[in-house]
Each structure stands twice: as C-alpha cells, then as structure tokens.
Amino acid sequence: MTKRDLIDEVNKRFPHLSRRDSEVIINAIFDSMVEALAQGDRIEIRGFGSFVVKHRRARQGRNPKSGALVSVAAKRVPFFKVGKELRLRVDGKPFDPSEIGDDE
C-alpha cells in the first residue's frame, strides 16, 4: 500500500472530504510522526504497534567488496515493533480483545 492508496482509502471512507483534504490529513499524520521520532519520542498506536528510536553505537565495519575496515558512525534509527492484534490478524488467527496485555 502506498501513500496514494491511503489517501484514496480515506477519501472512500469519508466521501464528504475532498481528495486534497484527505491528502492534507495523511500528510499531517506522517509529519507529526516524523517530528515525534526526530525528538526521540515513542509513538504507540494500540492494536497496531509502536515506533521508537534506537541508538546504534559507532563501530568498525567492513567494505564487502574489498574487506577493508571502515568506521561506521553512531546513529539513531527508527524501529517498529508490531502489536499483538496486528500480528495475529496478519497470521490469520482470531483476535480476542480480552488477551491484550498478555505478551505485549
């Protein structure tokens, strides 16, 4: 699914919104998520999953072509952890809301 598909889906579910309004809504959501992650905040969407920023330390890596050692700088990378409901639904298993919290 692409961003355009998301915009089309919002437009389908809310026909009173113009396509431009749907695009503004989707862009606002993504922009807010990017800003939160850039500030190091955690994003949690119940039933879907959570986004966090993980810190990777500086390390020595290898150039795969030449085998030479190269320095890899420390960096922060976004990480997504899938929620239990999404994991079960993707796997085709039934979801029981009473089980929430068992292994999240």
C-alpha atoms as a PDB file:
ATOM      1  CA  MET A   1       0.000   0.000   0.000  1.00  0.00           C
ATOM      2  CA  THR A   2       1.345   3.409  -0.933  1.00  0.00           C
ATOM      3  CA  LYS A   3       0.642   6.864   0.440  1.00  0.00           C
ATOM      4  CA  ARG A   4      -1.623   7.472  -2.546  1.00  0.00           C
ATOM      5  CA  ASP A   5      -3.574   4.301  -1.652  1.00  0.00           C
ATOM      6  CA  LEU A   6      -4.004   5.588   1.916  1.00  0.00           C
ATOM      7  CA  ILE A   7      -5.316   8.900   0.611  1.00  0.00           C
ATOM      8  CA  ASP A   8      -7.756   7.049  -1.675  1.00  0.00           C
ATOM      9  CA  GLU A   9      -8.924   4.889   1.267  1.00  0.00           C
ATOM     10  CA  VAL A  10      -9.589   7.960   3.447  1.00  0.00           C
ATOM     11  CA  ASN A  11     -11.440   9.518   0.518  1.00  0.00           C
ATOM     12  CA  LYS A  12     -13.545   6.354   0.085  1.00  0.00           C
ATOM     13  CA  ARG A  13     -14.466   6.138   3.768  1.00  0.00           C
ATOM     14  CA  PHE A  14     -15.190   9.862   4.091  1.00  0.00           C
ATOM     15  CA  PRO A  15     -16.711  10.945   0.758  1.00  0.00           C
ATOM     16  CA  HIS A  16     -17.622  14.374   2.143  1.00  0.00           C
ATOM     17  CA  LEU A  17     -13.880  15.208   2.239  1.00  0.00           C
ATOM     18  CA  SER A  18     -12.167  16.368  -0.922  1.00  0.00           C
ATOM     19  CA  ARG A  19      -9.166  14.435  -2.192  1.00  0.00           C
ATOM     20  CA  ARG A  20      -6.984  17.417  -1.235  1.00  0.00           C
ATOM     21  CA  ASP A  21      -8.358  17.357   2.330  1.00  0.00           C
ATOM     22  CA  SER A  22      -7.611  13.622   2.564  1.00  0.00           C
ATOM     23  CA  GLU A  23      -4.065  14.281   1.362  1.00  0.00           C
ATOM     24  CA  VAL A  24      -3.603  17.047   3.951  1.00  0.00           C
ATOM     25  CA  ILE A  25      -4.813  14.703   6.719  1.00  0.00           C
ATOM     26  CA  ILE A  26      -2.440  11.879   5.729  1.00  0.00           C
ATOM     27  CA  ASN A  27       0.497  14.291   5.364  1.00  0.00           C
ATOM     28  CA  ALA A  28      -0.266  15.835   8.770  1.00  0.00           C
ATOM     29  CA  ILE A  29      -0.258  12.402  10.414  1.00  0.00           C
ATOM     30  CA  PHE A  30       3.053  11.401   8.827  1.00  0.00           C
ATOM     31  CA  ASP A  31       4.652  14.788   9.541  1.00  0.00           C
ATOM     32  CA  SER A  32       3.618  14.532  13.193  1.00  0.00           C
ATOM     33  CA  MET A  33       5.084  11.042  13.440  1.00  0.00           C
ATOM     34  CA  VAL A  34       8.370  12.143  11.867  1.00  0.00           C
ATOM     35  CA  GLU A  35       8.624  15.119  14.229  1.00  0.00           C
ATOM     36  CA  ALA A  36       7.933  12.954  17.282  1.00  0.00           C
ATOM     37  CA  LEU A  37      10.567  10.399  16.289  1.00  0.00           C
ATOM     38  CA  ALA A  38      13.090  13.143  15.486  1.00  0.00           C
ATOM     39  CA  GLN A  39      12.618  14.411  19.054  1.00  0.00           C
ATOM     40  CA  GLY A  40      13.187  10.897  20.412  1.00  0.00           C
ATOM     41  CA  ASP A  41       9.552  10.350  21.422  1.00  0.00           C
ATOM     42  CA  ARG A  42       7.819   6.977  21.268  1.00  0.00           C
ATOM     43  CA  ILE A  43       4.684   6.554  19.137  1.00  0.00           C
ATOM     44  CA  GLU A  44       2.202   3.915  20.239  1.00  0.00           C
ATOM     45  CA  ILE A  45      -0.866   3.009  18.198  1.00  0.00           C
ATOM     46  CA  ARG A  46      -2.943   0.470  20.144  1.00  0.00           C
ATOM     47  CA  GLY A  47      -3.683  -2.677  18.175  1.00  0.00           C
ATOM     48  CA  PHE A  48      -1.133  -1.725  15.516  1.00  0.00           C
ATOM     49  CA  GLY A  49       2.291  -1.294  17.094  1.00  0.00           C
ATOM     50  CA  SER A  50       4.822   1.213  18.313  1.00  0.00           C
ATOM     51  CA  PHE A  51       7.619   3.228  16.776  1.00  0.00           C
ATOM     52  CA  VAL A  52      10.733   4.030  18.791  1.00  0.00           C
ATOM     53  CA  VAL A  53      14.153   5.451  18.061  1.00  0.00           C
ATOM     54  CA  LYS A  54      17.038   3.085  18.760  1.00  0.00           C
ATOM     55  CA  HIS A  55      20.586   4.274  19.227  1.00  0.00           C
ATOM     56  CA  ARG A  56      23.314   2.430  17.349  1.00  0.00           C
ATOM     57  CA  ARG A  57      26.846   2.858  18.670  1.00  0.00           C
ATOM     58  CA  ALA A  58      29.796   3.695  16.464  1.00  0.00           C
ATOM     59  CA  ARG A  59      31.568   0.550  15.269  1.00  0.00           C
ATOM     60  CA  GLN A  60      34.061  -0.848  12.845  1.00  0.00           C
ATOM     61  CA  GLY A  61      32.522  -2.372   9.734  1.00  0.00           C
ATOM     62  CA  ARG A  62      33.927  -3.966   6.619  1.00  0.00           C
ATOM     63  CA  ASN A  63      33.634  -2.945   2.994  1.00  0.00           C
ATOM     64  CA  PRO A  64      32.032  -6.081   1.471  1.00  0.00           C
ATOM     65  CA  LYS A  65      33.892  -5.647  -1.813  1.00  0.00           C
ATOM     66  CA  SER A  66      37.432  -5.036  -0.570  1.00  0.00           C
ATOM     67  CA  GLY A  67      37.217  -6.336   3.001  1.00  0.00           C
ATOM     68  CA  ALA A  68      38.817  -3.101   4.269  1.00  0.00           C
ATOM     69  CA  LEU A  69      37.829  -1.822   7.708  1.00  0.00           C
ATOM     70  CA  VAL A  70      35.625   1.264   7.713  1.00  0.00           C
ATOM     71  CA  SER A  71      34.334   3.374  10.583  1.00  0.00           C
ATOM     72  CA  VAL A  72      30.575   3.447  10.930  1.00  0.00           C
ATOM     73  CA  ALA A  73      29.399   6.493  12.886  1.00  0.00           C
ATOM     74  CA  ALA A  74      26.894   6.318  15.723  1.00  0.00           C
ATOM     75  CA  LYS A  75      23.342   6.941  14.589  1.00  0.00           C
ATOM     76  CA  ARG A  76      19.710   6.890  15.610  1.00  0.00           C
ATOM     77  CA  VAL A  77      17.374   4.669  13.611  1.00  0.00           C
ATOM     78  CA  PRO A  78      13.577   4.306  13.687  1.00  0.00           C
ATOM     79  CA  PHE A  79      12.316   0.895  14.791  1.00  0.00           C
ATOM     80  CA  PHE A  80       8.800  -0.567  14.563  1.00  0.00           C
ATOM     81  CA  LYS A  81       7.504  -3.181  16.977  1.00  0.00           C
ATOM     82  CA  VAL A  82       4.296  -4.832  15.799  1.00  0.00           C
ATOM     83  CA  GLY A  83       1.338  -5.019  18.208  1.00  0.00           C
ATOM     84  CA  LYS A  84      -0.277  -8.299  19.187  1.00  0.00           C
ATOM     85  CA  GLU A  85      -3.577  -7.609  17.395  1.00  0.00           C
ATOM     86  CA  LEU A  86      -1.861  -6.817  14.085  1.00  0.00           C
ATOM     87  CA  ARG A  87       0.485  -9.803  14.422  1.00  0.00           C
ATOM     88  CA  LEU A  88      -2.448 -12.184  14.963  1.00  0.00           C
ATOM     89  CA  ARG A  89      -4.564 -10.714  12.156  1.00  0.00           C
ATOM     90  CA  VAL A  90      -1.699 -10.883   9.643  1.00  0.00           C
ATOM     91  CA  ASP A  91      -1.128 -14.509  10.664  1.00  0.00           C
ATOM     92  CA  GLY A  92      -4.824 -15.236  10.005  1.00  0.00           C
ATOM     93  CA  LYS A  93      -5.540 -16.127  13.630  1.00  0.00           C
ATOM     94  CA  PRO A  94      -8.584 -14.869  15.523  1.00  0.00           C
ATOM     95  CA  PHE A  95      -8.059 -11.874  17.773  1.00  0.00           C
ATOM     96  CA  ASP A  96      -9.573 -11.886  21.264  1.00  0.00           C
ATOM     97  CA  PRO A  97      -9.515  -8.383  22.829  1.00  0.00           C
ATOM     98  CA  SER A  98      -9.534  -9.938  26.309  1.00  0.00           C
ATOM     99  CA  GLU A  99      -5.999 -11.246  25.644  1.00  0.00           C
ATOM    100  CA  ILE A 100      -4.485  -7.772  25.293  1.00  0.00           C
ATOM    101  CA  GLY A 101      -1.582  -7.301  27.668  1.00  0.00           C
ATOM    102  CA  ASP A 102      -0.595 -10.974  27.863  1.00  0.00           C
ATOM    103  CA  ASP A 103       2.694 -10.671  25.968  1.00  0.00           C
ATOM    104  CA  GLU A 104       2.974  -7.139  24.594  1.00  0.00           C
END
